[in-house]
Amino acid sequence: MQIVSFSSLDAPVIGYLHDDHDRLVAHKTRPAIVICAGGCYRWLSPREKDPVALAFAAMGYQTFLLEYSTGERASGYRPLRELAETVRIIRARAAEWRIEPEHVAVLGFSAGGHLAASLGALWDDAELSLGESCRPDALALCYPVVTMGEFAHRESADNVTGGDAELKDKLSLENHITAQMPPTFVWHCVGDESVPVENTLLLTAAMQRAGVPYECHLFAGGAHGISMCDREVETPYPAVAAWIDLCKNWLNQRFQFMP
């Protein structure tokens, strides 16, 4: 395993890359996935960072962890620009890092799920000006923040918009889903008391109307911020941990990847 690092508009990115071996010829190139941890756009949850990145690396993916801007630096499109530039850089360096440039996914948790979905919905927005080079080929959203409206997670909404009404409308994503949204895998716990499940329901309803391919899983148990749902991240929810294999199978099928 090779570890690389680079900056995306001053945001640190760490990559976990599989080595190339002469005698292993099946996977000279691999899909890539960018991980965006949650944390209300105020901080980045450690349980949604390295444990997730290493788990997807173990599935055979070239995996990247974006430390996007939070707190006072979270407003004004900054995290979205950082994620867009990260995807662009990964594609630009695909040959060097043995990546299939047409198979780059973004996975996000909670506020990081909002960030991932924002790039999926707004990749062609004039604020980014990167065109298709920053459009993810797939999204995986874990208990995502979606709306700035009735069911908003208020702290996330306040941090990412800075109170700007125009930005609040732009980042209420259920109102901006088109057929150009990437295929999306999404899961949520019905009893989530932090980010209401209505966020996912609004998103899937919008994707259904727009004809976006998606797969959605709702779990009766669980809670918010449970990440890999195991003892390593101190949130053991074995039934909800099914999301990991469900997501892996969905991505592998989408990317025709057979590790």
C-alpha atoms as a PDB file:
ATOM      1  CA  MET A   1       0.000   0.000   0.000  1.00  0.00           C
ATOM      2  CA  GLN A   2       1.319   3.415  -1.001  1.00  0.00           C
ATOM      3  CA  ILE A   3       0.230   6.552   0.846  1.00  0.00           C
ATOM      4  CA  VAL A   4       0.166   9.803  -1.107  1.00  0.00           C
ATOM      5  CA  SER A   5      -0.864  13.304  -0.148  1.00  0.00           C
ATOM      6  CA  PHE A   6      -1.711  16.494  -1.974  1.00  0.00           C
ATOM      7  CA  SER A   7      -3.575  19.748  -1.430  1.00  0.00           C
ATOM      8  CA  SER A   8      -6.886  20.662  -3.015  1.00  0.00           C
ATOM      9  CA  LEU A   9      -7.204  24.456  -2.755  1.00  0.00           C
ATOM     10  CA  ASP A  10      -5.283  24.176   0.543  1.00  0.00           C
ATOM     11  CA  ALA A  11      -7.452  21.290   1.820  1.00  0.00           C
ATOM     12  CA  PRO A  12      -5.293  18.236   2.646  1.00  0.00           C
ATOM     13  CA  VAL A  13      -6.036  14.971   0.842  1.00  0.00           C
ATOM     14  CA  ILE A  14      -4.550  11.592   1.802  1.00  0.00           C
ATOM     15  CA  GLY A  15      -4.670   8.694  -0.638  1.00  0.00           C
ATOM     16  CA  TYR A  16      -4.316   4.982   0.088  1.00  0.00           C
ATOM     17  CA  LEU A  17      -3.159   3.348  -3.141  1.00  0.00           C
ATOM     18  CA  HIS A  18      -2.660  -0.290  -4.016  1.00  0.00           C
ATOM     19  CA  ASP A  19       0.820  -1.212  -5.191  1.00  0.00           C
ATOM     20  CA  ASP A  20       1.432  -2.440  -8.713  1.00  0.00           C
ATOM     21  CA  HIS A  21       2.986  -5.916  -8.991  1.00  0.00           C
ATOM     22  CA  ASP A  22       4.246  -7.570 -12.178  1.00  0.00           C
ATOM     23  CA  ARG A  23       2.658 -10.890 -11.208  1.00  0.00           C
ATOM     24  CA  LEU A  24      -0.743  -9.379 -10.357  1.00  0.00           C
ATOM     25  CA  VAL A  25      -2.224  -8.478 -13.705  1.00  0.00           C
ATOM     26  CA  ALA A  26      -5.986  -8.410 -13.024  1.00  0.00           C
ATOM     27  CA  HIS A  27      -6.093  -4.911 -11.533  1.00  0.00           C
ATOM     28  CA  LYS A  28      -3.528  -2.698 -13.195  1.00  0.00           C
ATOM     29  CA  THR A  29      -6.068   0.086 -12.771  1.00  0.00           C
ATOM     30  CA  ARG A  30      -8.813   0.402 -10.158  1.00  0.00           C
ATOM     31  CA  PRO A  31     -11.826   2.564  -9.321  1.00  0.00           C
ATOM     32  CA  ALA A  32     -11.306   5.419  -6.875  1.00  0.00           C
ATOM     33  CA  ILE A  33     -13.442   6.697  -4.042  1.00  0.00           C
ATOM     34  CA  VAL A  34     -13.217   9.989  -2.130  1.00  0.00           C
ATOM     35  CA  ILE A  35     -14.348   9.912   1.514  1.00  0.00           C
ATOM     36  CA  CYS A  36     -15.967  12.987   3.117  1.00  0.00           C
ATOM     37  CA  ALA A  37     -16.495  12.638   6.869  1.00  0.00           C
ATOM     38  CA  GLY A  38     -19.376  14.331   8.646  1.00  0.00           C
ATOM     39  CA  GLY A  39     -19.365  16.736  11.554  1.00  0.00           C
ATOM     40  CA  CYS A  40     -21.925  19.523  10.977  1.00  0.00           C
ATOM     41  CA  TYR A  41     -19.463  21.423   8.756  1.00  0.00           C
ATOM     42  CA  ARG A  42     -17.932  22.317  12.143  1.00  0.00           C
ATOM     43  CA  TRP A  43     -15.379  19.487  12.440  1.00  0.00           C
ATOM     44  CA  LEU A  44     -14.608  16.108  10.828  1.00  0.00           C
ATOM     45  CA  SER A  45     -15.635  13.002  12.743  1.00  0.00           C
ATOM     46  CA  PRO A  46     -12.681  10.617  13.234  1.00  0.00           C
ATOM     47  CA  ARG A  47     -14.939   7.551  13.094  1.00  0.00           C
ATOM     48  CA  GLU A  48     -15.863   8.521   9.512  1.00  0.00           C
ATOM     49  CA  LYS A  49     -12.312   9.092   8.287  1.00  0.00           C
ATOM     50  CA  ASP A  50      -9.501   6.512   8.333  1.00  0.00           C
ATOM     51  CA  PRO A  51     -11.656   3.501   9.350  1.00  0.00           C
ATOM     52  CA  VAL A  52     -13.833   4.078   6.291  1.00  0.00           C
ATOM     53  CA  ALA A  53     -10.961   4.880   3.939  1.00  0.00           C
ATOM     54  CA  LEU A  54      -9.068   1.742   4.960  1.00  0.00           C
ATOM     55  CA  ALA A  55     -12.185  -0.413   4.673  1.00  0.00           C
ATOM     56  CA  PHE A  56     -12.761   0.661   1.078  1.00  0.00           C
ATOM     57  CA  ALA A  57      -9.066   0.268   0.340  1.00  0.00           C
ATOM     58  CA  ALA A  58      -9.417  -3.324   1.568  1.00  0.00           C
ATOM     59  CA  MET A  59     -12.259  -3.744  -0.962  1.00  0.00           C
ATOM     60  CA  GLY A  60      -9.762  -2.971  -3.733  1.00  0.00           C
ATOM     61  CA  TYR A  61     -10.419   0.719  -4.302  1.00  0.00           C
ATOM     62  CA  GLN A  62      -7.877   3.505  -4.598  1.00  0.00           C
ATOM     63  CA  THR A  63      -9.142   5.537  -1.682  1.00  0.00           C
ATOM     64  CA  PHE A  64      -8.807   9.236  -0.842  1.00  0.00           C
ATOM     65  CA  LEU A  65      -9.727  11.108   2.336  1.00  0.00           C
ATOM     66  CA  LEU A  66     -10.551  14.813   1.927  1.00  0.00           C
ATOM     67  CA  GLU A  67     -10.068  17.120   4.920  1.00  0.00           C
ATOM     68  CA  TYR A  68     -12.444  19.781   3.630  1.00  0.00           C
ATOM     69  CA  SER A  69     -12.836  23.167   5.286  1.00  0.00           C
ATOM     70  CA  THR A  70     -15.071  23.454   8.353  1.00  0.00           C
ATOM     71  CA  GLY A  71     -16.127  26.073  10.889  1.00  0.00           C
ATOM     72  CA  GLU A  72     -15.689  29.666   9.765  1.00  0.00           C
ATOM     73  CA  ARG A  73     -14.160  28.423   6.493  1.00  0.00           C
ATOM     74  CA  ALA A  74     -17.144  26.236   5.579  1.00  0.00           C
ATOM     75  CA  SER A  75     -19.338  28.855   3.907  1.00  0.00           C
ATOM     76  CA  GLY A  76     -19.145  30.452   0.482  1.00  0.00           C
ATOM     77  CA  TYR A  77     -18.811  27.245  -1.555  1.00  0.00           C
ATOM     78  CA  ARG A  78     -15.311  26.554  -0.178  1.00  0.00           C
ATOM     79  CA  PRO A  79     -15.840  22.855   0.769  1.00  0.00           C
ATOM     80  CA  LEU A  80     -17.650  22.247  -2.538  1.00  0.00           C
ATOM     81  CA  ARG A  81     -14.807  23.807  -4.520  1.00  0.00           C
ATOM     82  CA  GLU A  82     -12.315  21.677  -2.576  1.00  0.00           C
ATOM     83  CA  LEU A  83     -14.196  18.463  -3.352  1.00  0.00           C
ATOM     84  CA  ALA A  84     -14.626  19.402  -7.015  1.00  0.00           C
ATOM     85  CA  GLU A  85     -10.918  20.116  -7.334  1.00  0.00           C
ATOM     86  CA  THR A  86     -10.098  16.839  -5.578  1.00  0.00           C
ATOM     87  CA  VAL A  87     -12.086  14.868  -8.148  1.00  0.00           C
ATOM     88  CA  ARG A  88     -10.461  16.840 -10.969  1.00  0.00           C
ATOM     89  CA  ILE A  89      -6.952  16.158  -9.635  1.00  0.00           C
ATOM     90  CA  ILE A  90      -7.648  12.446  -9.212  1.00  0.00           C
ATOM     91  CA  ARG A  91      -8.744  12.221 -12.832  1.00  0.00           C
ATOM     92  CA  ALA A  92      -5.784  14.285 -14.018  1.00  0.00           C
ATOM     93  CA  ARG A  93      -3.362  11.958 -12.206  1.00  0.00           C
ATOM     94  CA  ALA A  94      -5.260   8.754 -12.954  1.00  0.00           C
ATOM     95  CA  ALA A  95      -2.446   7.153 -14.972  1.00  0.00           C
ATOM     96  CA  GLU A  96       0.114   7.904 -12.242  1.00  0.00           C
ATOM     97  CA  TRP A  97      -2.120   6.510  -9.496  1.00  0.00           C
ATOM     98  CA  ARG A  98      -3.451   3.547 -11.544  1.00  0.00           C
ATOM     99  CA  ILE A  99      -7.047   4.772 -11.463  1.00  0.00           C
ATOM    100  CA  GLU A 100      -9.871   4.277 -13.941  1.00  0.00           C
ATOM    101  CA  PRO A 101     -10.785   7.935 -14.582  1.00  0.00           C
ATOM    102  CA  GLU A 102     -14.351   7.055 -15.581  1.00  0.00           C
ATOM    103  CA  HIS A 103     -14.892   5.289 -12.246  1.00  0.00           C
ATOM    104  CA  VAL A 104     -14.474   7.901  -9.498  1.00  0.00           C
ATOM    105  CA  ALA A 105     -17.030   7.818  -6.663  1.00  0.00           C
ATOM    106  CA  VAL A 106     -17.597  10.147  -3.698  1.00  0.00           C
ATOM    107  CA  LEU A 107     -18.835   8.797  -0.357  1.00  0.00           C
ATOM    108  CA  GLY A 108     -20.022  11.116   2.396  1.00  0.00           C
ATOM    109  CA  PHE A 109     -21.493  10.921   5.884  1.00  0.00           C
ATOM    110  CA  SER A 110     -24.018  13.405   7.300  1.00  0.00           C
ATOM    111  CA  ALA A 111     -22.646  16.879   6.423  1.00  0.00           C
ATOM    112  CA  GLY A 112     -20.060  15.097   4.275  1.00  0.00           C
ATOM    113  CA  GLY A 113     -23.007  13.417   2.571  1.00  0.00           C
ATOM    114  CA  HIS A 114     -24.421  16.866   1.875  1.00  0.00           C
ATOM    115  CA  LEU A 115     -21.069  17.870   0.399  1.00  0.00           C
ATOM    116  CA  ALA A 116     -20.945  14.764  -1.805  1.00  0.00           C
ATOM    117  CA  ALA A 117     -24.549  15.247  -2.937  1.00  0.00           C
ATOM    118  CA  SER A 118     -23.872  18.948  -3.574  1.00  0.00           C
ATOM    119  CA  LEU A 119     -21.163  18.035  -6.059  1.00  0.00           C
ATOM    120  CA  GLY A 120     -23.492  15.495  -7.637  1.00  0.00           C
ATOM    121  CA  ALA A 121     -26.240  18.078  -8.065  1.00  0.00           C
ATOM    122  CA  LEU A 122     -24.141  21.180  -8.786  1.00  0.00           C
ATOM    123  CA  TRP A 123     -21.040  19.900 -10.615  1.00  0.00           C
ATOM    124  CA  ASP A 124     -21.885  22.051 -13.651  1.00  0.00           C
ATOM    125  CA  ASP A 125     -22.632  25.174 -11.613  1.00  0.00           C
ATOM    126  CA  ALA A 126     -20.868  28.367 -12.659  1.00  0.00           C
ATOM    127  CA  GLU A 127     -19.332  28.649  -9.175  1.00  0.00           C
ATOM    128  CA  LEU A 128     -17.144  25.613  -9.943  1.00  0.00           C
ATOM    129  CA  SER A 129     -16.236  26.145 -13.616  1.00  0.00           C
ATOM    130  CA  LEU A 130     -14.595  22.730 -13.953  1.00  0.00           C
ATOM    131  CA  GLY A 131     -17.122  21.022 -16.213  1.00  0.00           C
ATOM    132  CA  GLU A 132     -17.357  17.251 -16.350  1.00  0.00           C
ATOM    133  CA  SER A 133     -13.844  16.835 -14.933  1.00  0.00           C
ATOM    134  CA  CYS A 134     -15.336  17.219 -11.436  1.00  0.00           C
ATOM    135  CA  ARG A 135     -18.555  15.200 -11.921  1.00  0.00           C
ATOM    136  CA  PRO A 136     -18.491  12.020  -9.787  1.00  0.00           C
ATOM    137  CA  ASP A 137     -19.382   8.788 -11.560  1.00  0.00           C
ATOM    138  CA  ALA A 138     -21.298   7.583  -8.493  1.00  0.00           C
ATOM    139  CA  LEU A 139     -22.281   8.792  -5.032  1.00  0.00           C
ATOM    140  CA  ALA A 140     -22.636   6.888  -1.763  1.00  0.00           C
ATOM    141  CA  LEU A 141     -24.502   8.902   0.872  1.00  0.00           C
ATOM    142  CA  CYS A 142     -24.695   7.834   4.502  1.00  0.00           C
ATOM    143  CA  TYR A 143     -27.436   9.491   6.620  1.00  0.00           C
ATOM    144  CA  PRO A 144     -26.923  12.655   4.543  1.00  0.00           C
ATOM    145  CA  VAL A 145     -27.913  16.207   5.259  1.00  0.00           C
ATOM    146  CA  VAL A 146     -29.927  17.222   2.180  1.00  0.00           C
ATOM    147  CA  THR A 147     -32.375  20.037   2.865  1.00  0.00           C
ATOM    148  CA  MET A 148     -32.056  23.539   4.268  1.00  0.00           C
ATOM    149  CA  GLY A 149     -35.833  23.634   4.788  1.00  0.00           C
ATOM    150  CA  GLU A 150     -38.230  22.183   7.336  1.00  0.00           C
ATOM    151  CA  PHE A 151     -36.179  19.060   8.093  1.00  0.00           C
ATOM    152  CA  ALA A 152     -32.776  20.720   8.011  1.00  0.00           C
ATOM    153  CA  HIS A 153     -29.981  19.939  10.421  1.00  0.00           C
ATOM    154  CA  ARG A 154     -29.706  23.515  11.585  1.00  0.00           C
ATOM    155  CA  GLU A 155     -26.063  23.595  12.646  1.00  0.00           C
ATOM    156  CA  SER A 156     -24.919  22.106   9.343  1.00  0.00           C
ATOM    157  CA  ALA A 157     -27.154  24.527   7.434  1.00  0.00           C
ATOM    158  CA  ASP A 158     -25.879  27.546   9.358  1.00  0.00           C
ATOM    159  CA  ASN A 159     -22.230  26.576   8.981  1.00  0.00           C
ATOM    160  CA  VAL A 160     -22.302  25.829   5.253  1.00  0.00           C
ATOM    161  CA  THR A 161     -24.420  28.841   4.278  1.00  0.00           C
ATOM    162  CA  GLY A 162     -23.133  31.403   6.754  1.00  0.00           C
ATOM    163  CA  GLY A 163     -26.728  32.631   6.936  1.00  0.00           C
ATOM    164  CA  ASP A 164     -26.778  33.610   3.246  1.00  0.00           C
ATOM    165  CA  ALA A 165     -30.339  33.187   1.945  1.00  0.00           C
ATOM    166  CA  GLU A 166     -29.295  32.661  -1.693  1.00  0.00           C
ATOM    167  CA  LEU A 167     -26.772  30.008  -0.692  1.00  0.00           C
ATOM    168  CA  LYS A 168     -29.376  28.370   1.540  1.00  0.00           C
ATOM    169  CA  ASP A 169     -31.642  27.959  -1.474  1.00  0.00           C
ATOM    170  CA  LYS A 170     -28.814  26.652  -3.681  1.00  0.00           C
ATOM    171  CA  LEU A 171     -27.740  24.088  -1.097  1.00  0.00           C
ATOM    172  CA  SER A 172     -31.244  22.788  -0.376  1.00  0.00           C
ATOM    173  CA  LEU A 173     -30.440  19.982  -2.745  1.00  0.00           C
ATOM    174  CA  GLU A 174     -33.861  18.408  -3.194  1.00  0.00           C
ATOM    175  CA  ASN A 175     -34.728  21.466  -5.328  1.00  0.00           C
ATOM    176  CA  HIS A 176     -31.762  21.067  -7.683  1.00  0.00           C
ATOM    177  CA  ILE A 177     -31.766  17.421  -8.750  1.00  0.00           C
ATOM    178  CA  THR A 178     -31.683  16.853 -12.517  1.00  0.00           C
ATOM    179  CA  ALA A 179     -31.070  13.882 -14.765  1.00  0.00           C
ATOM    180  CA  GLN A 180     -27.363  14.804 -14.671  1.00  0.00           C
ATOM    181  CA  MET A 181     -27.113  13.724 -11.011  1.00  0.00           C
ATOM    182  CA  PRO A 182     -24.756  10.722 -10.775  1.00  0.00           C
ATOM    183  CA  PRO A 183     -26.166   7.299  -9.832  1.00  0.00           C
ATOM    184  CA  THR A 184     -26.557   7.284  -6.066  1.00  0.00           C
ATOM    185  CA  PHE A 185     -26.536   4.801  -3.201  1.00  0.00           C
ATOM    186  CA  VAL A 186     -28.077   6.178  -0.004  1.00  0.00           C
ATOM    187  CA  TRP A 187     -28.928   4.807   3.432  1.00  0.00           C
ATOM    188  CA  HIS A 188     -30.421   6.235   6.609  1.00  0.00           C
ATOM    189  CA  CYS A 189     -31.772   5.090   9.959  1.00  0.00           C
ATOM    190  CA  VAL A 190     -35.485   5.830  10.342  1.00  0.00           C
ATOM    191  CA  GLY A 191     -35.048   6.842  13.987  1.00  0.00           C
ATOM    192  CA  ASP A 192     -32.187   9.278  13.329  1.00  0.00           C
ATOM    193  CA  GLU A 193     -32.722  12.074  15.865  1.00  0.00           C
ATOM    194  CA  SER A 194     -30.014  14.373  14.477  1.00  0.00           C
ATOM    195  CA  VAL A 195     -30.587  14.401  10.721  1.00  0.00           C
ATOM    196  CA  PRO A 196     -34.210  13.358  10.122  1.00  0.00           C
ATOM    197  CA  VAL A 197     -34.791  10.561   7.636  1.00  0.00           C
ATOM    198  CA  GLU A 198     -36.934  13.025   5.668  1.00  0.00           C
ATOM    199  CA  ASN A 199     -33.645  14.318   4.242  1.00  0.00           C
ATOM    200  CA  THR A 200     -33.127  11.039   2.411  1.00  0.00           C
ATOM    201  CA  LEU A 201     -36.804  10.767   1.509  1.00  0.00           C
ATOM    202  CA  LEU A 202     -36.753  14.228  -0.082  1.00  0.00           C
ATOM    203  CA  LEU A 203     -33.630  13.317  -2.022  1.00  0.00           C
ATOM    204  CA  THR A 204     -34.911  10.000  -3.315  1.00  0.00           C
ATOM    205  CA  ALA A 205     -38.244  11.547  -4.308  1.00  0.00           C
ATOM    206  CA  ALA A 206     -36.362  14.192  -6.306  1.00  0.00           C
ATOM    207  CA  MET A 207     -34.137  11.586  -7.937  1.00  0.00           C
ATOM    208  CA  GLN A 208     -37.183   9.476  -8.789  1.00  0.00           C
ATOM    209  CA  ARG A 209     -38.792  12.451 -10.535  1.00  0.00           C
ATOM    210  CA  ALA A 210     -35.585  13.242 -12.430  1.00  0.00           C
ATOM    211  CA  GLY A 211     -34.952   9.649 -13.513  1.00  0.00           C
ATOM    212  CA  VAL A 212     -31.662   9.325 -11.624  1.00  0.00           C
ATOM    213  CA  PRO A 213     -30.601   5.710 -10.957  1.00  0.00           C
ATOM    214  CA  TYR A 214     -30.452   5.122  -7.215  1.00  0.00           C
ATOM    215  CA  GLU A 215     -30.601   2.507  -4.484  1.00  0.00           C
ATOM    216  CA  CYS A 216     -31.965   3.409  -1.043  1.00  0.00           C
ATOM    217  CA  HIS A 217     -31.882   1.453   2.231  1.00  0.00           C
ATOM    218  CA  LEU A 218     -33.719   2.508   5.384  1.00  0.00           C
ATOM    219  CA  PHE A 219     -32.890   0.768   8.667  1.00  0.00           C
ATOM    220  CA  ALA A 220     -35.287   0.486  11.586  1.00  0.00           C
ATOM    221  CA  GLY A 221     -32.522   0.462  14.208  1.00  0.00           C
ATOM    222  CA  GLY A 222     -29.360   2.445  14.570  1.00  0.00           C
ATOM    223  CA  ALA A 223     -28.702   6.118  15.181  1.00  0.00           C
ATOM    224  CA  HIS A 224     -26.796   9.019  13.655  1.00  0.00           C
ATOM    225  CA  GLY A 225     -23.036   9.110  13.113  1.00  0.00           C
ATOM    226  CA  ILE A 226     -22.553   5.346  13.344  1.00  0.00           C
ATOM    227  CA  SER A 227     -20.127   5.032  10.424  1.00  0.00           C
ATOM    228  CA  MET A 228     -18.947   1.418   9.996  1.00  0.00           C
ATOM    229  CA  CYS A 229     -21.309   0.225  12.769  1.00  0.00           C
ATOM    230  CA  ASP A 230     -18.637  -1.818  14.545  1.00  0.00           C
ATOM    231  CA  ARG A 231     -16.652  -1.789  17.786  1.00  0.00           C
ATOM    232  CA  GLU A 232     -13.639  -0.144  16.167  1.00  0.00           C
ATOM    233  CA  VAL A 233     -15.615   3.078  15.763  1.00  0.00           C
ATOM    234  CA  GLU A 234     -17.499   2.434  19.045  1.00  0.00           C
ATOM    235  CA  THR A 235     -20.914   2.225  17.388  1.00  0.00           C
ATOM    236  CA  PRO A 236     -21.707  -1.510  17.129  1.00  0.00           C
ATOM    237  CA  TYR A 237     -24.947  -1.892  15.176  1.00  0.00           C
ATOM    238  CA  PRO A 238     -24.575  -5.282  13.445  1.00  0.00           C
ATOM    239  CA  ALA A 239     -27.890  -5.109  11.591  1.00  0.00           C
ATOM    240  CA  VAL A 240     -27.153  -1.674  10.138  1.00  0.00           C
ATOM    241  CA  ALA A 241     -23.601  -2.725   9.214  1.00  0.00           C
ATOM    242  CA  ALA A 242     -25.217  -4.466   6.246  1.00  0.00           C
ATOM    243  CA  TRP A 243     -24.907  -1.114   4.456  1.00  0.00           C
ATOM    244  CA  ILE A 244     -21.213  -1.783   3.842  1.00  0.00           C
ATOM    245  CA  ASP A 245     -21.684  -4.911   1.733  1.00  0.00           C
ATOM    246  CA  LEU A 246     -24.752  -3.424   0.071  1.00  0.00           C
ATOM    247  CA  CYS A 247     -22.745  -0.361  -0.931  1.00  0.00           C
ATOM    248  CA  LYS A 248     -19.748  -2.413  -2.045  1.00  0.00           C
ATOM    249  CA  ASN A 249     -21.909  -4.646  -4.224  1.00  0.00           C
ATOM    250  CA  TRP A 250     -23.699  -1.653  -5.725  1.00  0.00           C
ATOM    251  CA  LEU A 251     -20.449   0.140  -6.543  1.00  0.00           C
ATOM    252  CA  ASN A 252     -18.784  -2.991  -7.899  1.00  0.00           C
ATOM    253  CA  GLN A 253     -21.723  -3.625 -10.191  1.00  0.00           C
ATOM    254  CA  ARG A 254     -21.855   0.017 -11.267  1.00  0.00           C
ATOM    255  CA  PHE A 255     -18.120   0.033 -12.068  1.00  0.00           C
ATOM    256  CA  GLN A 256     -17.971  -3.585 -13.291  1.00  0.00           C
ATOM    257  CA  PHE A 257     -15.231  -4.151 -10.734  1.00  0.00           C
ATOM    258  CA  MET A 258     -14.443  -7.706  -9.649  1.00  0.00           C
ATOM    259  CA  PRO A 259     -11.753  -7.571  -6.925  1.00  0.00           C
END
